[in-house]
C-alpha cells in the first residue's frame, strides 16, 4: 500500500465522521456505492481525480486536504478560535472577580466583619 492511500483513507474517514456522514450517505452524495467508499477507507481502492473532487466537495474540503498529513486549515482555525475564546473568558472572569460586588447579600454578610 502506498502512503497516499493510507493518508487518503485516514483523512476520508476522519472528515466523513466530522461531517456526520455514514459511508452510505457520502456514497449517495458523490454518486457511488457505499462499498466503494469502504474500499477507499481500507486502502483497497484509489478514486479517480473526478471522484476525489466529488468527495472533497461533499465533505466541504479542498481536494488537497484529503492528502494533508497535518491539521487541516479548518482544524487550525478552530483551535486558534478556542484559544482566543479561552483567553477572553479568562480576562472577563478576572475582571469580574476584581470588581466589588454591591449586592445586598454581600454588604450584609460582610458588615462589621472587616470594620476595624
PDB file of N, CA and C in Angstrom:
ATOM      1  N   UNK A   1       0.837  -1.182   0.000  1.00  0.00           N
ATOM      2  CA  UNK A   1       0.000   0.000   0.000  1.00  0.00           C
ATOM      3  C   UNK A   1       0.887   1.253   0.000  1.00  0.00           C
ATOM      4  N   UNK A   2       0.470   2.224  -0.746  1.00  0.00           N
ATOM      5  CA  UNK A   2       1.244   3.453  -0.803  1.00  0.00           C
ATOM      6  C   UNK A   2       0.849   4.375   0.333  1.00  0.00           C
ATOM      7  N   UNK A   3       1.766   5.296   0.631  1.00  0.00           N
ATOM      8  CA  UNK A   3       1.500   6.282   1.679  1.00  0.00           C
ATOM      9  C   UNK A   3       0.286   7.135   1.319  1.00  0.00           C
ATOM     10  N   UNK A   4       0.132   7.443   0.032  1.00  0.00           N
ATOM     11  CA  UNK A   4      -1.016   8.261  -0.383  1.00  0.00           C
ATOM     12  C   UNK A   4      -2.332   7.582  -0.059  1.00  0.00           C
ATOM     13  N   UNK A   5      -2.416   6.289  -0.290  1.00  0.00           N
ATOM     14  CA  UNK A   5      -3.656   5.565   0.031  1.00  0.00           C
ATOM     15  C   UNK A   5      -3.929   5.592   1.528  1.00  0.00           C
ATOM     16  N   UNK A   6      -2.885   5.453   2.313  1.00  0.00           N
ATOM     17  CA  UNK A   6      -3.034   5.460   3.774  1.00  0.00           C
ATOM     18  C   UNK A   6      -3.501   6.818   4.262  1.00  0.00           C
ATOM     19  N   UNK A   7      -2.884   7.863   3.757  1.00  0.00           N
ATOM     20  CA  UNK A   7      -3.261   9.225   4.159  1.00  0.00           C
ATOM     21  C   UNK A   7      -4.691   9.527   3.722  1.00  0.00           C
ATOM     22  N   UNK A   8      -5.024   9.182   2.473  1.00  0.00           N
ATOM     23  CA  UNK A   8      -6.378   9.410   1.977  1.00  0.00           C
ATOM     24  C   UNK A   8      -7.393   8.645   2.814  1.00  0.00           C
ATOM     25  N   UNK A   9      -7.112   7.391   3.118  1.00  0.00           N
ATOM     26  CA  UNK A   9      -8.046   6.575   3.897  1.00  0.00           C
ATOM     27  C   UNK A   9      -8.300   7.194   5.269  1.00  0.00           C
ATOM     28  N   UNK A  10      -7.227   7.602   5.947  1.00  0.00           N
ATOM     29  CA  UNK A  10      -7.349   8.195   7.281  1.00  0.00           C
ATOM     30  C   UNK A  10      -8.142   9.500   7.225  1.00  0.00           C
ATOM     31  N   UNK A  11      -7.791  10.364   6.284  1.00  0.00           N
ATOM     32  CA  UNK A  11      -8.467  11.657   6.191  1.00  0.00           C
ATOM     33  C   UNK A  11      -9.919  11.520   5.747  1.00  0.00           C
ATOM     34  N   UNK A  12     -10.174  10.629   4.807  1.00  0.00           N
ATOM     35  CA  UNK A  12     -11.545  10.431   4.345  1.00  0.00           C
ATOM     36  C   UNK A  12     -12.445  10.003   5.497  1.00  0.00           C
ATOM     37  N   UNK A  13     -11.982   9.038   6.260  1.00  0.00           N
ATOM     38  CA  UNK A  13     -12.783   8.557   7.385  1.00  0.00           C
ATOM     39  C   UNK A  13     -12.977   9.661   8.434  1.00  0.00           C
ATOM     40  N   UNK A  14     -11.907  10.410   8.735  1.00  0.00           N
ATOM     41  CA  UNK A  14     -11.997  11.471   9.736  1.00  0.00           C
ATOM     42  C   UNK A  14     -12.934  12.593   9.287  1.00  0.00           C
ATOM     43  N   UNK A  15     -12.783  13.043   8.045  1.00  0.00           N
ATOM     44  CA  UNK A  15     -13.627  14.128   7.549  1.00  0.00           C
ATOM     45  C   UNK A  15     -15.078  13.681   7.406  1.00  0.00           C
ATOM     46  N   UNK A  16     -15.269  12.440   6.981  1.00  0.00           N
ATOM     47  CA  UNK A  16     -16.634  11.908   6.859  1.00  0.00           C
ATOM     48  C   UNK A  16     -17.305  11.861   8.227  1.00  0.00           C
ATOM     49  N   UNK A  17     -16.573  11.391   9.220  1.00  0.00           N
ATOM     50  CA  UNK A  17     -17.113  11.332  10.584  1.00  0.00           C
ATOM     51  C   UNK A  17     -17.392  12.724  11.124  1.00  0.00           C
ATOM     52  N   UNK A  18     -16.478  13.654  10.850  1.00  0.00           N
ATOM     53  CA  UNK A  18     -16.653  15.043  11.297  1.00  0.00           C
ATOM     54  C   UNK A  18     -17.932  15.653  10.740  1.00  0.00           C
ATOM     55  N   UNK A  19     -18.265  15.287   9.504  1.00  0.00           N
ATOM     56  CA  UNK A  19     -19.486  15.799   8.877  1.00  0.00           C
ATOM     57  C   UNK A  19     -20.723  15.032   9.333  1.00  0.00           C
ATOM     58  N   UNK A  20     -20.522  13.925  10.028  1.00  0.00           N
ATOM     59  CA  UNK A  20     -21.652  13.120  10.482  1.00  0.00           C
ATOM     60  C   UNK A  20     -22.227  12.230   9.392  1.00  0.00           C
ATOM     61  N   UNK A  21     -21.414  11.945   8.382  1.00  0.00           N
ATOM     62  CA  UNK A  21     -21.871  11.129   7.257  1.00  0.00           C
ATOM     63  C   UNK A  21     -21.510   9.664   7.481  1.00  0.00           C
ATOM     64  N   UNK A  22     -22.428   8.794   7.175  1.00  0.00           N
ATOM     65  CA  UNK A  22     -22.111   7.370   7.072  1.00  0.00           C
ATOM     66  C   UNK A  22     -21.453   7.157   5.707  1.00  0.00           C
ATOM     67  N   UNK A  23     -20.885   5.982   5.510  1.00  0.00           N
ATOM     68  CA  UNK A  23     -20.336   5.663   4.193  1.00  0.00           C
ATOM     69  C   UNK A  23     -21.446   5.703   3.149  1.00  0.00           C
ATOM     70  N   UNK A  24     -22.620   5.236   3.522  1.00  0.00           N
ATOM     71  CA  UNK A  24     -23.755   5.228   2.595  1.00  0.00           C
ATOM     72  C   UNK A  24     -24.170   6.652   2.209  1.00  0.00           C
ATOM     73  N   UNK A  25     -24.195   7.548   3.181  1.00  0.00           N
ATOM     74  CA  UNK A  25     -24.591   8.931   2.902  1.00  0.00           C
ATOM     75  C   UNK A  25     -23.578   9.601   1.982  1.00  0.00           C
ATOM     76  N   UNK A  26     -22.280   9.420   2.277  1.00  0.00           N
ATOM     77  CA  UNK A  26     -21.260  10.008   1.408  1.00  0.00           C
ATOM     78  C   UNK A  26     -21.358   9.422   0.005  1.00  0.00           C
ATOM     79  N   UNK A  27     -21.545   8.131  -0.083  1.00  0.00           N
ATOM     80  CA  UNK A  27     -21.680   7.481  -1.390  1.00  0.00           C
ATOM     81  C   UNK A  27     -22.848   8.065  -2.177  1.00  0.00           C
ATOM     82  N   UNK A  28     -23.954   8.276  -1.496  1.00  0.00           N
ATOM     83  CA  UNK A  28     -25.133   8.871  -2.145  1.00  0.00           C
ATOM     84  C   UNK A  28     -24.816  10.268  -2.672  1.00  0.00           C
ATOM     85  N   UNK A  29     -24.105  11.046  -1.869  1.00  0.00           N
ATOM     86  CA  UNK A  29     -23.783  12.421  -2.273  1.00  0.00           C
ATOM     87  C   UNK A  29     -22.851  12.489  -3.468  1.00  0.00           C
ATOM     88  N   UNK A  30     -21.969  11.507  -3.593  1.00  0.00           N
ATOM     89  CA  UNK A  30     -20.994  11.550  -4.687  1.00  0.00           C
ATOM     90  C   UNK A  30     -21.357  10.635  -5.854  1.00  0.00           C
ATOM     91  N   UNK A  31     -22.466   9.898  -5.727  1.00  0.00           N
ATOM     92  CA  UNK A  31     -22.928   9.063  -6.826  1.00  0.00           C
ATOM     93  C   UNK A  31     -22.159   7.768  -7.005  1.00  0.00           C
ATOM     94  N   UNK A  32     -21.887   7.102  -5.912  1.00  0.00           N
ATOM     95  CA  UNK A  32     -21.208   5.810  -5.987  1.00  0.00           C
ATOM     96  C   UNK A  32     -21.825   4.853  -4.970  1.00  0.00           C
ATOM     97  N   UNK A  33     -21.304   3.659  -4.912  1.00  0.00           N
ATOM     98  CA  UNK A  33     -21.810   2.648  -3.980  1.00  0.00           C
ATOM     99  C   UNK A  33     -21.116   2.778  -2.625  1.00  0.00           C
ATOM    100  N   UNK A  34     -21.841   2.488  -1.543  1.00  0.00           N
ATOM    101  CA  UNK A  34     -21.234   2.561  -0.207  1.00  0.00           C
ATOM    102  C   UNK A  34     -19.996   1.674  -0.061  1.00  0.00           C
ATOM    103  N   UNK A  35     -20.001   0.503  -0.718  1.00  0.00           N
ATOM    104  CA  UNK A  35     -18.829  -0.362  -0.577  1.00  0.00           C
ATOM    105  C   UNK A  35     -17.596   0.240  -1.251  1.00  0.00           C
ATOM    106  N   UNK A  36     -17.786   1.135  -2.227  1.00  0.00           N
ATOM    107  CA  UNK A  36     -16.646   1.812  -2.853  1.00  0.00           C
ATOM    108  C   UNK A  36     -15.988   2.753  -1.845  1.00  0.00           C
ATOM    109  N   UNK A  37     -16.790   3.493  -1.091  1.00  0.00           N
ATOM    110  CA  UNK A  37     -16.249   4.375  -0.048  1.00  0.00           C
ATOM    111  C   UNK A  37     -15.518   3.523   0.990  1.00  0.00           C
ATOM    112  N   UNK A  38     -16.101   2.411   1.368  1.00  0.00           N
ATOM    113  CA  UNK A  38     -15.471   1.500   2.331  1.00  0.00           C
ATOM    114  C   UNK A  38     -14.134   1.000   1.802  1.00  0.00           C
ATOM    115  N   UNK A  39     -14.080   0.665   0.533  1.00  0.00           N
ATOM    116  CA  UNK A  39     -12.843   0.157  -0.071  1.00  0.00           C
ATOM    117  C   UNK A  39     -11.754   1.224  -0.088  1.00  0.00           C
ATOM    118  N   UNK A  40     -12.135   2.474  -0.285  1.00  0.00           N
ATOM    119  CA  UNK A  40     -11.147   3.564  -0.214  1.00  0.00           C
ATOM    120  C   UNK A  40     -10.616   3.670   1.214  1.00  0.00           C
ATOM    121  N   UNK A  41     -11.534   3.576   2.187  1.00  0.00           N
ATOM    122  CA  UNK A  41     -11.142   3.733   3.597  1.00  0.00           C
ATOM    123  C   UNK A  41     -10.269   2.584   4.109  1.00  0.00           C
ATOM    124  N   UNK A  42     -10.322   1.429   3.461  1.00  0.00           N
ATOM    125  CA  UNK A  42      -9.442   0.319   3.865  1.00  0.00           C
ATOM    126  C   UNK A  42      -8.295   0.141   2.865  1.00  0.00           C
ATOM    127  N   UNK A  43      -8.086   1.142   2.021  1.00  0.00           N
ATOM    128  CA  UNK A  43      -6.939   1.229   1.105  1.00  0.00           C
ATOM    129  C   UNK A  43      -6.939   0.166  -0.002  1.00  0.00           C
ATOM    130  N   UNK A  44      -8.106  -0.342  -0.330  1.00  0.00           N
ATOM    131  CA  UNK A  44      -8.204  -1.344  -1.404  1.00  0.00           C
ATOM    132  C   UNK A  44      -8.458  -0.706  -2.770  1.00  0.00           C
ATOM    133  N   UNK A  45      -9.005   0.504  -2.756  1.00  0.00           N
ATOM    134  CA  UNK A  45      -9.289   1.235  -3.998  1.00  0.00           C
ATOM    135  C   UNK A  45      -8.721   2.639  -3.880  1.00  0.00           C
ATOM    136  N   UNK A  46      -8.441   3.224  -5.058  1.00  0.00           N
ATOM    137  CA  UNK A  46      -7.994   4.614  -5.109  1.00  0.00           C
ATOM    138  C   UNK A  46      -8.870   5.331  -6.125  1.00  0.00           C
ATOM    139  N   UNK A  47      -9.546   6.416  -5.697  1.00  0.00           N
ATOM    140  CA  UNK A  47     -10.503   7.086  -6.593  1.00  0.00           C
ATOM    141  C   UNK A  47      -9.828   7.870  -7.715  1.00  0.00           C
ATOM    142  N   UNK A  48     -10.596   8.073  -8.770  1.00  0.00           N
ATOM    143  CA  UNK A  48     -10.136   8.913  -9.890  1.00  0.00           C
ATOM    144  C   UNK A  48     -10.094  10.364  -9.435  1.00  0.00           C
ATOM    145  N   UNK A  49      -9.467  11.200 -10.246  1.00  0.00           N
ATOM    146  CA  UNK A  49      -9.413  12.621  -9.899  1.00  0.00           C
ATOM    147  C   UNK A  49     -10.815  13.231  -9.856  1.00  0.00           C
ATOM    148  N   UNK A  50     -11.699  12.799 -10.748  1.00  0.00           N
ATOM    149  CA  UNK A  50     -13.074  13.308 -10.740  1.00  0.00           C
ATOM    150  C   UNK A  50     -13.798  12.894  -9.459  1.00  0.00           C
ATOM    151  N   UNK A  51     -13.601  11.641  -9.023  1.00  0.00           N
ATOM    152  CA  UNK A  51     -14.236  11.174  -7.787  1.00  0.00           C
ATOM    153  C   UNK A  51     -13.635  11.889  -6.577  1.00  0.00           C
ATOM    154  N   UNK A  52     -12.334  12.134  -6.585  1.00  0.00           N
ATOM    155  CA  UNK A  52     -11.705  12.877  -5.483  1.00  0.00           C
ATOM    156  C   UNK A  52     -12.330  14.258  -5.344  1.00  0.00           C
ATOM    157  N   UNK A  53     -12.587  14.911  -6.469  1.00  0.00           N
ATOM    158  CA  UNK A  53     -13.213  16.233  -6.427  1.00  0.00           C
ATOM    159  C   UNK A  53     -14.638  16.152  -5.880  1.00  0.00           C
ATOM    160  N   UNK A  54     -15.388  15.140  -6.275  1.00  0.00           N
ATOM    161  CA  UNK A  54     -16.751  14.963  -5.758  1.00  0.00           C
ATOM    162  C   UNK A  54     -16.725  14.711  -4.248  1.00  0.00           C
ATOM    163  N   UNK A  55     -15.808  13.865  -3.811  1.00  0.00           N
ATOM    164  CA  UNK A  55     -15.696  13.549  -2.380  1.00  0.00           C
ATOM    165  C   UNK A  55     -15.325  14.803  -1.601  1.00  0.00           C
ATOM    166  N   UNK A  56     -14.328  15.536  -2.087  1.00  0.00           N
ATOM    167  CA  UNK A  56     -13.899  16.758  -1.400  1.00  0.00           C
ATOM    168  C   UNK A  56     -15.050  17.763  -1.310  1.00  0.00           C
ATOM    169  N   UNK A  57     -15.785  17.914  -2.380  1.00  0.00           N
ATOM    170  CA  UNK A  57     -16.928  18.840  -2.381  1.00  0.00           C
ATOM    171  C   UNK A  57     -17.980  18.405  -1.370  1.00  0.00           C
ATOM    172  N   UNK A  58     -18.301  17.121  -1.355  1.00  0.00           N
ATOM    173  CA  UNK A  58     -19.303  16.615  -0.411  1.00  0.00           C
ATOM    174  C   UNK A  58     -18.862  16.814   1.035  1.00  0.00           C
ATOM    175  N   UNK A  59     -17.552  16.725   1.274  1.00  0.00           N
ATOM    176  CA  UNK A  59     -17.015  16.887   2.627  1.00  0.00           C
ATOM    177  C   UNK A  59     -16.676  18.346   2.952  1.00  0.00           C
ATOM    178  N   UNK A  60     -16.993  19.238   2.012  1.00  0.00           N
ATOM    179  CA  UNK A  60     -16.723  20.671   2.162  1.00  0.00           C
ATOM    180  C   UNK A  60     -15.244  20.915   2.430  1.00  0.00           C
ATOM    181  N   UNK A  61     -14.418  20.307   1.602  1.00  0.00           N
ATOM    182  CA  UNK A  61     -12.960  20.393   1.701  1.00  0.00           C
ATOM    183  C   UNK A  61     -12.378  20.710   0.343  1.00  0.00           C
ATOM    184  N   UNK A  62     -11.137  21.140   0.359  1.00  0.00           N
ATOM    185  CA  UNK A  62     -10.370  21.250  -0.869  1.00  0.00           C
ATOM    186  C   UNK A  62      -9.797  19.864  -1.151  1.00  0.00           C
ATOM    187  N   UNK A  63      -9.679  19.467  -2.409  1.00  0.00           N
ATOM    188  CA  UNK A  63      -9.132  18.142  -2.703  1.00  0.00           C
ATOM    189  C   UNK A  63      -7.772  17.881  -2.045  1.00  0.00           C
ATOM    190  N   UNK A  64      -6.925  18.887  -1.985  1.00  0.00           N
ATOM    191  CA  UNK A  64      -5.597  18.694  -1.386  1.00  0.00           C
ATOM    192  C   UNK A  64      -5.689  18.350   0.101  1.00  0.00           C
ATOM    193  N   UNK A  65      -6.765  18.760   0.776  1.00  0.00           N
ATOM    194  CA  UNK A  65      -6.926  18.444   2.197  1.00  0.00           C
ATOM    195  C   UNK A  65      -7.104  16.947   2.425  1.00  0.00           C
ATOM    196  N   UNK A  66      -7.552  16.229   1.415  1.00  0.00           N
ATOM    197  CA  UNK A  66      -7.709  14.786   1.544  1.00  0.00           C
ATOM    198  C   UNK A  66      -6.355  14.088   1.668  1.00  0.00           C
ATOM    199  N   UNK A  67      -5.289  14.795   1.290  1.00  0.00           N
ATOM    200  CA  UNK A  67      -3.941  14.226   1.342  1.00  0.00           C
ATOM    201  C   UNK A  67      -3.044  14.933   2.349  1.00  0.00           C
ATOM    202  N   UNK A  68      -3.616  15.770   3.167  1.00  0.00           N
ATOM    203  CA  UNK A  68      -2.851  16.515   4.160  1.00  0.00           C
ATOM    204  C   UNK A  68      -2.426  15.593   5.307  1.00  0.00           C
ATOM    205  N   UNK A  69      -1.175  15.727   5.732  1.00  0.00           N
ATOM    206  CA  UNK A  69      -0.671  14.893   6.825  1.00  0.00           C
ATOM    207  C   UNK A  69      -0.772  15.607   8.164  1.00  0.00           C
ATOM    208  N   UNK A  70      -1.019  16.906   8.149  1.00  0.00           N
ATOM    209  CA  UNK A  70      -1.120  17.653   9.391  1.00  0.00           C
ATOM    210  C   UNK A  70      -2.546  18.069   9.647  1.00  0.00           C
ATOM    211  N   UNK A  71      -2.697  19.001  10.583  1.00  0.00           N
ATOM    212  CA  UNK A  71      -4.024  19.530  10.871  1.00  0.00           C
ATOM    213  C   UNK A  71      -4.552  20.263   9.648  1.00  0.00           C
ATOM    214  N   UNK A  72      -5.820  20.137   9.414  1.00  0.00           N
ATOM    215  CA  UNK A  72      -6.436  20.842   8.306  1.00  0.00           C
ATOM    216  C   UNK A  72      -6.512  22.329   8.650  1.00  0.00           C
ATOM    217  N   UNK A  73      -6.574  23.192   7.637  1.00  0.00           N
ATOM    218  CA  UNK A  73      -6.729  24.621   7.915  1.00  0.00           C
ATOM    219  C   UNK A  73      -7.961  24.909   8.772  1.00  0.00           C
ATOM    220  N   UNK A  74      -9.056  24.165   8.541  1.00  0.00           N
ATOM    221  CA  UNK A  74     -10.269  24.363   9.338  1.00  0.00           C
ATOM    222  C   UNK A  74     -10.006  24.012  10.807  1.00  0.00           C
ATOM    223  N   UNK A  75      -9.298  22.910  11.030  1.00  0.00           N
ATOM    224  CA  UNK A  75      -8.989  22.478  12.395  1.00  0.00           C
ATOM    225  C   UNK A  75      -8.066  23.501  13.073  1.00  0.00           C
ATOM    226  N   UNK A  76      -7.085  24.012  12.339  1.00  0.00           N
ATOM    227  CA  UNK A  76      -6.187  25.017  12.892  1.00  0.00           C
ATOM    228  C   UNK A  76      -6.955  26.274  13.276  1.00  0.00           C
ATOM    229  N   UNK A  77      -7.902  26.685  12.441  1.00  0.00           N
ATOM    230  CA  UNK A  77      -8.720  27.856  12.738  1.00  0.00           C
ATOM    231  C   UNK A  77      -9.572  27.605  13.974  1.00  0.00           C
ATOM    232  N   UNK A  78     -10.180  26.422  14.067  1.00  0.00           N
ATOM    233  CA  UNK A  78     -10.995  26.092  15.242  1.00  0.00           C
ATOM    234  C   UNK A  78     -10.153  26.136  16.512  1.00  0.00           C
ATOM    235  N   UNK A  79      -8.949  25.576  16.455  1.00  0.00           N
ATOM    236  CA  UNK A  79      -8.079  25.575  17.629  1.00  0.00           C
ATOM    237  C   UNK A  79      -7.673  26.992  18.014  1.00  0.00           C
ATOM    238  N   UNK A  80      -7.356  27.823  17.024  1.00  0.00           N
ATOM    239  CA  UNK A  80      -6.987  29.209  17.293  1.00  0.00           C
ATOM    240  C   UNK A  80      -8.151  29.977  17.919  1.00  0.00           C
ATOM    241  N   UNK A  81      -9.355  29.756  17.404  1.00  0.00           N
ATOM    242  CA  UNK A  81     -10.529  30.428  17.960  1.00  0.00           C
ATOM    243  C   UNK A  81     -10.809  29.973  19.394  1.00  0.00           C
ATOM    244  N   UNK A  82     -10.621  28.694  19.674  1.00  0.00           N
ATOM    245  CA  UNK A  82     -10.820  28.196  21.033  1.00  0.00           C
ATOM    246  C   UNK A  82      -9.822  28.818  22.006  1.00  0.00           C
ATOM    247  N   UNK A  83      -8.574  28.946  21.588  1.00  0.00           N
ATOM    248  CA  UNK A  83      -7.558  29.570  22.439  1.00  0.00           C
ATOM    249  C   UNK A  83      -7.920  31.023  22.691  1.00  0.00           C
ATOM    250  N   UNK A  84      -8.295  31.722  21.634  1.00  0.00           N
ATOM    251  CA  UNK A  84      -8.671  33.135  21.773  1.00  0.00           C
ATOM    252  C   UNK A  84      -9.887  33.292  22.684  1.00  0.00           C
ATOM    253  N   UNK A  85     -10.873  32.423  22.548  1.00  0.00           N
ATOM    254  CA  UNK A  85     -12.066  32.477  23.375  1.00  0.00           C
ATOM    255  C   UNK A  85     -11.724  32.190  24.841  1.00  0.00           C
ATOM    256  N   UNK A  86     -10.851  31.227  25.077  1.00  0.00           N
ATOM    257  CA  UNK A  86     -10.435  30.895  26.443  1.00  0.00           C
ATOM    258  C   UNK A  86      -9.720  32.076  27.085  1.00  0.00           C
ATOM    259  N   UNK A  87      -8.869  32.750  26.324  1.00  0.00           N
ATOM    260  CA  UNK A  87      -8.171  33.936  26.849  1.00  0.00           C
ATOM    261  C   UNK A  87      -9.167  35.043  27.161  1.00  0.00           C
ATOM    262  N   UNK A  88     -10.135  35.249  26.293  1.00  0.00           N
ATOM    263  CA  UNK A  88     -11.159  36.260  26.514  1.00  0.00           C
ATOM    264  C   UNK A  88     -11.945  35.966  27.791  1.00  0.00           C
ATOM    265  N   UNK A  89     -12.360  34.698  27.955  1.00  0.00           N
ATOM    266  CA  UNK A  89     -13.100  34.316  29.157  1.00  0.00           C
ATOM    267  C   UNK A  89     -12.262  34.507  30.418  1.00  0.00           C
ATOM    268  N   UNK A  90     -10.993  34.158  30.337  1.00  0.00           N
ATOM    269  CA  UNK A  90     -10.118  34.314  31.495  1.00  0.00           C
ATOM    270  C   UNK A  90     -10.018  35.782  31.900  1.00  0.00           C
ATOM    271  N   UNK A  91      -9.896  36.665  30.918  1.00  0.00           N
ATOM    272  CA  UNK A  91      -9.828  38.100  31.215  1.00  0.00           C
ATOM    273  C   UNK A  91     -11.143  38.607  31.801  1.00  0.00           C
ATOM    274  N   UNK A  92     -12.254  38.157  31.242  1.00  0.00           N
ATOM    275  CA  UNK A  92     -13.562  38.585  31.753  1.00  0.00           C
ATOM    276  C   UNK A  92     -13.770  38.085  33.179  1.00  0.00           C
ATOM    277  N   UNK A  93     -13.398  36.845  33.439  1.00  0.00           N
ATOM    278  CA  UNK A  93     -13.557  36.299  34.789  1.00  0.00           C
ATOM    279  C   UNK A  93     -12.647  37.013  35.774  1.00  0.00           C
ATOM    280  N   UNK A  94     -11.439  37.287  35.363  1.00  0.00           N
ATOM    281  CA  UNK A  94     -10.506  38.008  36.232  1.00  0.00           C
ATOM    282  C   UNK A  94     -11.054  39.394  36.543  1.00  0.00           C
ATOM    283  N   UNK A  95     -11.570  40.066  35.517  1.00  0.00           N
ATOM    284  CA  UNK A  95     -12.145  41.394  35.706  1.00  0.00           C
ATOM    285  C   UNK A  95     -13.348  41.364  36.632  1.00  0.00           C
ATOM    286  N   UNK A  96     -14.199  40.354  36.511  1.00  0.00           N
ATOM    287  CA  UNK A  96     -15.398  40.286  37.345  1.00  0.00           C
ATOM    288  C   UNK A  96     -15.031  39.951  38.787  1.00  0.00           C
ATOM    289  N   UNK A  97     -13.938  39.233  38.990  1.00  0.00           N
ATOM    290  CA  UNK A  97     -13.513  38.917  40.355  1.00  0.00           C
ATOM    291  C   UNK A  97     -12.889  40.124  41.039  1.00  0.00           C
ATOM    292  N   UNK A  98     -12.303  41.010  40.246  1.00  0.00           N
ATOM    293  CA  UNK A  98     -11.672  42.199  40.819  1.00  0.00           C
ATOM    294  C   UNK A  98     -12.675  43.313  41.106  1.00  0.00           C
ATOM    295  N   UNK A  99     -13.816  43.301  40.437  1.00  0.00           N
ATOM    296  CA  UNK A  99     -14.823  44.321  40.668  1.00  0.00           C
ATOM    297  C   UNK A  99     -15.590  44.004  41.946  1.00  0.00           C
ATOM    298  N   UNK A 100     -15.841  45.009  42.774  1.00  0.00           N
ATOM    299  CA  UNK A 100     -16.580  44.747  44.011  1.00  0.00           C
ATOM    300  C   UNK A 100     -18.025  44.373  43.722  1.00  0.00           C
ATOM    301  N   UNK A 101     -18.534  43.498  44.512  1.00  0.00           N
ATOM    302  CA  UNK A 101     -19.923  43.083  44.389  1.00  0.00           C
ATOM    303  C   UNK A 101     -20.746  43.939  45.347  1.00  0.00           C
ATOM    304  N   UNK A 102     -21.705  44.659  44.843  1.00  0.00           N
ATOM    305  CA  UNK A 102     -22.518  45.540  45.666  1.00  0.00           C
ATOM    306  C   UNK A 102     -23.923  45.005  45.858  1.00  0.00           C
ATOM    307  N   UNK A 103     -24.074  43.706  45.830  1.00  0.00           N
ATOM    308  CA  UNK A 103     -25.398  43.147  46.040  1.00  0.00           C
ATOM    309  C   UNK A 103     -25.721  43.212  47.524  1.00  0.00           C
ATOM    310  N   UNK A 104     -26.976  43.320  47.887  1.00  0.00           N
ATOM    311  CA  UNK A 104     -27.354  43.397  49.299  1.00  0.00           C
ATOM    312  C   UNK A 104     -26.823  42.240  50.128  1.00  0.00           C
ATOM    313  N   UNK A 105     -26.782  41.037  49.571  1.00  0.00           N
ATOM    314  CA  UNK A 105     -26.306  39.894  50.354  1.00  0.00           C
ATOM    315  C   UNK A 105     -24.830  40.047  50.684  1.00  0.00           C
ATOM    316  N   UNK A 106     -24.081  40.652  49.781  1.00  0.00           N
ATOM    317  CA  UNK A 106     -22.655  40.810  50.025  1.00  0.00           C
ATOM    318  C   UNK A 106     -22.405  41.864  51.107  1.00  0.00           C
ATOM    319  N   UNK A 107     -23.122  42.987  51.038  1.00  0.00           N
ATOM    320  CA  UNK A 107     -22.884  44.042  52.017  1.00  0.00           C
ATOM    321  C   UNK A 107     -23.378  43.636  53.396  1.00  0.00           C
ATOM    322  N   UNK A 108     -24.450  42.870  53.461  1.00  0.00           N
ATOM    323  CA  UNK A 108     -24.975  42.409  54.751  1.00  0.00           C
ATOM    324  C   UNK A 108     -24.047  41.358  55.355  1.00  0.00           C
ATOM    325  N   UNK A 109     -23.581  40.451  54.520  1.00  0.00           N
ATOM    326  CA  UNK A 109     -22.752  39.343  55.005  1.00  0.00           C
ATOM    327  C   UNK A 109     -21.426  39.837  55.561  1.00  0.00           C
ATOM    328  N   UNK A 110     -20.877  40.911  55.011  1.00  0.00           N
ATOM    329  CA  UNK A 110     -19.567  41.360  55.455  1.00  0.00           C
ATOM    330  C   UNK A 110     -19.642  42.559  56.387  1.00  0.00           C
ATOM    331  N   UNK A 111     -20.823  43.073  56.667  1.00  0.00           N
ATOM    332  CA  UNK A 111     -20.964  44.252  57.513  1.00  0.00           C
ATOM    333  C   UNK A 111     -20.428  43.943  58.918  1.00  0.00           C
ATOM    334  N   UNK A 112     -19.481  44.713  59.330  1.00  0.00           N
ATOM    335  CA  UNK A 112     -18.896  44.553  60.640  1.00  0.00           C
ATOM    336  C   UNK A 112     -17.757  43.553  60.687  1.00  0.00           C
ATOM    337  N   UNK A 113     -17.637  42.685  59.700  1.00  0.00           N
ATOM    338  CA  UNK A 113     -16.568  41.684  59.718  1.00  0.00           C
ATOM    339  C   UNK A 113     -15.237  42.326  59.406  1.00  0.00           C
ATOM    340  N   UNK A 114     -15.231  43.236  58.423  1.00  0.00           N
ATOM    341  CA  UNK A 114     -13.973  43.855  58.022  1.00  0.00           C
ATOM    342  C   UNK A 114     -13.826  45.270  58.573  1.00  0.00           C
ATOM    343  N   UNK A 115     -14.700  45.707  59.446  1.00  0.00           N
ATOM    344  CA  UNK A 115     -14.595  47.047  60.033  1.00  0.00           C
ATOM    345  C   UNK A 115     -13.680  46.952  61.252  1.00  0.00           C
ATOM    346  N   UNK A 116     -12.540  47.684  61.217  1.00  0.00           N
ATOM    347  CA  UNK A 116     -11.561  47.762  62.299  1.00  0.00           C
ATOM    348  C   UNK A 116     -11.999  47.108  63.498  1.00  0.00           C
TER     349      UNK A 116
END
